[in-house]
Amino acid sequence: MGGHHHVKLPNVPDPSIYKVEDAKDLLKVQERLAKKGLKDPWMRNYVWRCTIDKADKHPNWVLLKFFTYGWKYWVPLVGLTIGIEHFLGIDYHAHGHGHGHDDKHEAHH
């Protein structure tokens, strides 16, 4: 009946590795809270967000990856589309502003 796939689960790090002292931004928040006599017992849950390397969050190649995703499909399709339009004689150059359309609009005013 299937369903016996063995999926490897991601490794879950030990929570003790996350310390507020390692996250400068959270330390500032902790100090501001302390000045008001407050404490955030759940702050440690956000340490991973502050300690992750910025390059890992948003690498420079994200845009490149976004625009090249599926290129194996869209590059041939673009070429095929251009070829078909050329074969059928479809021409888009006559459409747009400045090709005699303005004269018709002025006559209605």
N, C-alpha and C. Protein backbone atom coordinates (compact mmCIF):
# COMPACT_ATOMS: atom_id res chain seq x y z
N MET A 1 0.80 -1.19 0.00
CA MET A 1 0.00 0.00 0.00
C MET A 1 0.85 1.26 0.00
N GLY A 2 2.11 1.15 0.06
CA GLY A 2 2.98 2.33 0.02
C GLY A 2 3.01 3.04 1.36
N GLY A 3 3.55 4.24 1.35
CA GLY A 3 3.61 5.02 2.58
C GLY A 3 4.75 4.63 3.48
N HIS A 4 5.65 3.81 3.01
CA HIS A 4 6.76 3.36 3.84
C HIS A 4 8.05 4.09 3.50
N HIS A 5 7.91 5.32 3.08
CA HIS A 5 9.10 6.10 2.75
C HIS A 5 9.79 6.53 4.04
N HIS A 6 11.07 6.39 4.06
CA HIS A 6 11.84 6.78 5.23
C HIS A 6 12.42 8.16 4.99
N VAL A 7 11.77 9.14 5.57
CA VAL A 7 12.18 10.52 5.41
C VAL A 7 13.10 10.88 6.57
N LYS A 8 14.27 11.43 6.22
CA LYS A 8 15.20 11.83 7.27
C LYS A 8 14.77 13.18 7.82
N LEU A 9 14.48 13.23 9.09
CA LEU A 9 14.06 14.46 9.73
C LEU A 9 15.27 15.37 9.94
N PRO A 10 15.06 16.69 9.89
CA PRO A 10 16.18 17.60 10.11
C PRO A 10 16.66 17.51 11.56
N ASN A 11 17.93 17.79 11.75
CA ASN A 11 18.49 17.79 13.10
C ASN A 11 17.97 18.99 13.87
N VAL A 12 17.46 18.74 15.05
CA VAL A 12 16.98 19.80 15.92
C VAL A 12 18.09 20.11 16.92
N PRO A 13 18.57 21.36 16.92
CA PRO A 13 19.66 21.69 17.84
C PRO A 13 19.19 21.73 19.29
N ASP A 14 20.11 21.52 20.18
CA ASP A 14 19.84 21.58 21.61
C ASP A 14 19.52 23.03 21.99
N PRO A 15 18.43 23.27 22.71
CA PRO A 15 18.05 24.64 23.05
C PRO A 15 19.10 25.38 23.90
N SER A 16 19.94 24.63 24.58
CA SER A 16 20.92 25.28 25.45
C SER A 16 22.00 26.04 24.67
N ILE A 17 22.09 25.81 23.35
CA ILE A 17 23.10 26.53 22.58
C ILE A 17 22.68 27.97 22.32
N TYR A 18 21.40 28.28 22.50
CA TYR A 18 20.91 29.63 22.25
C TYR A 18 20.96 30.44 23.54
N LYS A 19 21.81 31.45 23.54
CA LYS A 19 21.97 32.31 24.71
C LYS A 19 21.74 33.75 24.29
N VAL A 20 20.96 34.48 25.08
CA VAL A 20 20.66 35.87 24.78
C VAL A 20 21.95 36.69 24.69
N GLU A 21 22.96 36.31 25.44
CA GLU A 21 24.23 37.03 25.45
C GLU A 21 24.91 36.99 24.08
N ASP A 22 24.57 36.02 23.26
CA ASP A 22 25.17 35.89 21.93
C ASP A 22 24.51 36.79 20.88
N ALA A 23 23.36 37.34 21.21
CA ALA A 23 22.62 38.19 20.28
C ALA A 23 22.62 39.63 20.78
N LYS A 24 23.40 40.48 20.13
CA LYS A 24 23.55 41.87 20.57
C LYS A 24 22.22 42.62 20.57
N ASP A 25 21.42 42.39 19.55
CA ASP A 25 20.12 43.08 19.47
C ASP A 25 19.22 42.71 20.64
N LEU A 26 19.21 41.43 20.98
CA LEU A 26 18.37 40.99 22.10
C LEU A 26 18.92 41.47 23.43
N LEU A 27 20.23 41.60 23.53
CA LEU A 27 20.82 42.13 24.76
C LEU A 27 20.34 43.56 25.00
N LYS A 28 20.27 44.35 23.94
CA LYS A 28 19.77 45.72 24.06
C LYS A 28 18.32 45.74 24.52
N VAL A 29 17.52 44.86 23.95
CA VAL A 29 16.11 44.77 24.36
C VAL A 29 16.02 44.35 25.82
N GLN A 30 16.84 43.38 26.20
CA GLN A 30 16.84 42.90 27.58
C GLN A 30 17.22 44.02 28.55
N GLU A 31 18.20 44.85 28.16
CA GLU A 31 18.61 45.97 29.01
C GLU A 31 17.50 47.01 29.13
N ARG A 32 16.82 47.31 28.02
CA ARG A 32 15.71 48.27 28.07
C ARG A 32 14.56 47.75 28.94
N LEU A 33 14.28 46.47 28.83
CA LEU A 33 13.24 45.89 29.68
C LEU A 33 13.64 45.94 31.15
N ALA A 34 14.91 45.66 31.42
CA ALA A 34 15.40 45.66 32.81
C ALA A 34 15.28 47.06 33.42
N LYS A 35 15.49 48.11 32.64
CA LYS A 35 15.36 49.49 33.15
C LYS A 35 13.94 49.77 33.60
N LYS A 36 12.98 49.08 33.01
CA LYS A 36 11.57 49.26 33.37
C LYS A 36 11.11 48.20 34.37
N GLY A 37 12.04 47.37 34.80
CA GLY A 37 11.71 46.33 35.77
C GLY A 37 11.01 45.13 35.14
N LEU A 38 11.18 44.94 33.86
CA LEU A 38 10.53 43.84 33.16
C LEU A 38 11.55 42.82 32.68
N LYS A 39 11.05 41.62 32.41
CA LYS A 39 11.90 40.56 31.90
C LYS A 39 11.09 39.72 30.91
N ASP A 40 11.72 39.30 29.83
CA ASP A 40 11.05 38.46 28.84
C ASP A 40 11.59 37.04 28.97
N PRO A 41 10.82 36.13 29.57
CA PRO A 41 11.32 34.77 29.76
C PRO A 41 11.42 33.98 28.45
N TRP A 42 10.81 34.46 27.38
CA TRP A 42 10.80 33.74 26.11
C TRP A 42 11.80 34.31 25.11
N MET A 43 12.61 35.25 25.53
CA MET A 43 13.54 35.91 24.62
C MET A 43 14.51 34.93 23.97
N ARG A 44 14.88 33.90 24.68
CA ARG A 44 15.83 32.93 24.15
C ARG A 44 15.31 32.28 22.87
N ASN A 45 13.99 32.23 22.71
CA ASN A 45 13.40 31.63 21.51
C ASN A 45 13.71 32.41 20.24
N TYR A 46 14.17 33.66 20.39
CA TYR A 46 14.45 34.50 19.23
C TYR A 46 15.93 34.66 18.95
N VAL A 47 16.77 34.03 19.74
CA VAL A 47 18.22 34.16 19.57
C VAL A 47 18.65 33.66 18.20
N TRP A 48 18.11 32.57 17.74
CA TRP A 48 18.53 32.01 16.45
C TRP A 48 18.31 32.99 15.32
N ARG A 49 17.28 33.83 15.41
CA ARG A 49 17.02 34.81 14.35
C ARG A 49 18.08 35.90 14.31
N CYS A 50 18.60 36.23 15.47
CA CYS A 50 19.58 37.32 15.55
C CYS A 50 21.01 36.84 15.31
N THR A 51 21.27 35.57 15.53
CA THR A 51 22.64 35.08 15.39
C THR A 51 22.91 34.46 14.03
N ILE A 52 21.86 34.21 13.25
CA ILE A 52 22.07 33.63 11.93
C ILE A 52 22.81 34.64 11.06
N ASP A 53 23.72 34.17 10.27
CA ASP A 53 24.51 35.04 9.41
C ASP A 53 23.60 35.69 8.37
N LYS A 54 23.76 36.99 8.18
CA LYS A 54 22.93 37.72 7.22
C LYS A 54 23.08 37.14 5.81
N ALA A 55 24.27 36.67 5.47
CA ALA A 55 24.48 36.08 4.14
C ALA A 55 23.67 34.80 3.97
N ASP A 56 23.43 34.10 5.07
CA ASP A 56 22.61 32.89 4.99
C ASP A 56 21.14 33.23 4.81
N LYS A 57 20.70 34.36 5.40
CA LYS A 57 19.31 34.77 5.28
C LYS A 57 18.98 35.23 3.87
N HIS A 58 19.79 36.13 3.35
CA HIS A 58 19.53 36.73 2.05
C HIS A 58 20.82 36.77 1.24
N PRO A 59 21.21 35.66 0.67
CA PRO A 59 22.44 35.66 -0.13
C PRO A 59 22.27 36.49 -1.40
N ASN A 60 23.39 36.93 -1.93
CA ASN A 60 23.36 37.79 -3.12
C ASN A 60 22.77 37.09 -4.33
N TRP A 61 22.81 35.78 -4.37
CA TRP A 61 22.35 35.06 -5.55
C TRP A 61 20.86 34.77 -5.53
N VAL A 62 20.12 35.30 -4.56
CA VAL A 62 18.68 35.03 -4.49
C VAL A 62 17.97 35.53 -5.75
N LEU A 63 18.29 36.76 -6.19
CA LEU A 63 17.65 37.28 -7.40
C LEU A 63 18.04 36.47 -8.62
N LEU A 64 19.31 36.09 -8.69
CA LEU A 64 19.75 35.27 -9.82
C LEU A 64 18.98 33.96 -9.84
N LYS A 65 18.83 33.36 -8.68
CA LYS A 65 18.10 32.09 -8.60
C LYS A 65 16.63 32.28 -8.98
N PHE A 66 16.06 33.41 -8.54
CA PHE A 66 14.66 33.70 -8.84
C PHE A 66 14.43 33.83 -10.35
N PHE A 67 15.29 34.58 -11.02
CA PHE A 67 15.09 34.83 -12.44
C PHE A 67 15.53 33.68 -13.33
N THR A 68 16.37 32.80 -12.84
CA THR A 68 16.82 31.68 -13.67
C THR A 68 16.08 30.39 -13.35
N TYR A 69 15.15 30.43 -12.39
CA TYR A 69 14.39 29.24 -12.05
C TYR A 69 13.54 28.82 -13.25
N GLY A 70 13.69 27.61 -13.69
CA GLY A 70 12.91 27.09 -14.80
C GLY A 70 13.40 27.53 -16.17
N TRP A 71 14.62 28.04 -16.25
CA TRP A 71 15.14 28.55 -17.53
C TRP A 71 15.15 27.48 -18.60
N LYS A 72 15.27 26.21 -18.19
CA LYS A 72 15.28 25.12 -19.18
C LYS A 72 13.97 25.08 -19.95
N TYR A 73 12.91 25.61 -19.34
CA TYR A 73 11.60 25.60 -19.97
C TYR A 73 11.29 26.92 -20.66
N TRP A 74 11.56 28.05 -19.97
CA TRP A 74 11.11 29.31 -20.54
C TRP A 74 11.99 29.81 -21.68
N VAL A 75 13.28 29.50 -21.69
CA VAL A 75 14.12 29.96 -22.81
C VAL A 75 13.67 29.31 -24.12
N PRO A 76 13.49 27.99 -24.19
CA PRO A 76 12.98 27.40 -25.44
C PRO A 76 11.58 27.89 -25.80
N LEU A 77 10.73 28.10 -24.80
CA LEU A 77 9.37 28.58 -25.09
C LEU A 77 9.38 29.98 -25.66
N VAL A 78 10.26 30.85 -25.14
CA VAL A 78 10.38 32.20 -25.70
C VAL A 78 10.85 32.11 -27.14
N GLY A 79 11.85 31.28 -27.39
CA GLY A 79 12.34 31.10 -28.76
C GLY A 79 11.26 30.55 -29.68
N LEU A 80 10.51 29.58 -29.19
CA LEU A 80 9.42 28.99 -29.98
C LEU A 80 8.35 30.04 -30.29
N THR A 81 8.02 30.85 -29.31
CA THR A 81 7.02 31.90 -29.50
C THR A 81 7.47 32.90 -30.55
N ILE A 82 8.72 33.33 -30.46
CA ILE A 82 9.26 34.28 -31.44
C ILE A 82 9.25 33.64 -32.83
N GLY A 83 9.65 32.38 -32.92
CA GLY A 83 9.65 31.68 -34.20
C GLY A 83 8.27 31.56 -34.81
N ILE A 84 7.28 31.20 -34.00
CA ILE A 84 5.90 31.07 -34.49
C ILE A 84 5.36 32.42 -34.95
N GLU A 85 5.61 33.47 -34.16
CA GLU A 85 5.14 34.80 -34.56
C GLU A 85 5.80 35.24 -35.86
N HIS A 86 7.07 34.96 -36.02
CA HIS A 86 7.77 35.31 -37.25
C HIS A 86 7.21 34.51 -38.43
N PHE A 87 6.97 33.23 -38.23
CA PHE A 87 6.42 32.37 -39.28
C PHE A 87 5.02 32.82 -39.71
N LEU A 88 4.20 33.20 -38.74
CA LEU A 88 2.83 33.62 -39.03
C LEU A 88 2.75 35.08 -39.47
N GLY A 89 3.86 35.79 -39.39
CA GLY A 89 3.89 37.19 -39.82
C GLY A 89 3.27 38.14 -38.82
N ILE A 90 3.21 37.75 -37.56
CA ILE A 90 2.66 38.62 -36.52
C ILE A 90 3.68 39.70 -36.22
N ASP A 91 3.21 40.97 -36.30
CA ASP A 91 4.10 42.11 -36.09
C ASP A 91 3.45 43.05 -35.09
N TYR A 92 4.14 43.34 -34.01
CA TYR A 92 3.62 44.22 -32.98
C TYR A 92 4.12 45.66 -33.12
N HIS A 93 4.92 45.94 -34.12
CA HIS A 93 5.51 47.27 -34.25
C HIS A 93 4.49 48.33 -34.64
N ALA A 94 3.40 47.97 -35.26
CA ALA A 94 2.40 48.94 -35.69
C ALA A 94 1.50 49.38 -34.54
N HIS A 95 1.57 48.74 -33.41
CA HIS A 95 0.71 49.07 -32.28
C HIS A 95 1.43 50.03 -31.35
N GLY A 96 0.68 50.92 -30.75
CA GLY A 96 1.26 51.83 -29.77
C GLY A 96 0.95 53.27 -30.12
N HIS A 97 1.47 54.19 -29.36
CA HIS A 97 1.23 55.61 -29.54
C HIS A 97 2.12 56.17 -30.64
N GLY A 98 1.63 57.21 -31.30
CA GLY A 98 2.44 57.90 -32.29
C GLY A 98 2.38 57.29 -33.67
N HIS A 99 1.43 56.42 -33.95
CA HIS A 99 1.33 55.80 -35.27
C HIS A 99 -0.01 56.13 -35.92
N GLY A 100 -0.42 57.39 -35.80
CA GLY A 100 -1.67 57.78 -36.43
C GLY A 100 -2.89 57.66 -35.54
N HIS A 101 -2.74 57.13 -34.35
CA HIS A 101 -3.89 56.99 -33.46
C HIS A 101 -4.28 58.32 -32.85
N ASP A 102 -3.32 59.22 -32.67
CA ASP A 102 -3.61 60.50 -32.04
C ASP A 102 -4.54 61.35 -32.90
N ASP A 103 -4.46 61.22 -34.22
CA ASP A 103 -5.32 61.99 -35.11
C ASP A 103 -6.79 61.65 -34.89
N LYS A 104 -7.10 60.40 -34.68
CA LYS A 104 -8.49 59.98 -34.47
C LYS A 104 -9.02 60.51 -33.15
N HIS A 105 -8.17 60.53 -32.13
CA HIS A 105 -8.61 61.00 -30.81
C HIS A 105 -8.85 62.50 -30.82
N GLU A 106 -8.05 63.25 -31.58
CA GLU A 106 -8.21 64.69 -31.63
C GLU A 106 -9.50 65.07 -32.35
N ALA A 107 -9.94 64.28 -33.29
CA ALA A 107 -11.16 64.58 -34.05
C ALA A 107 -12.40 64.47 -33.17
N HIS A 108 -12.35 63.67 -32.11
CA HIS A 108 -13.51 63.49 -31.23
C HIS A 108 -13.64 64.61 -30.24
N HIS A 109 -12.59 65.40 -30.04
CA HIS A 109 -12.64 66.45 -29.00
C HIS A 109 -13.27 67.70 -29.51
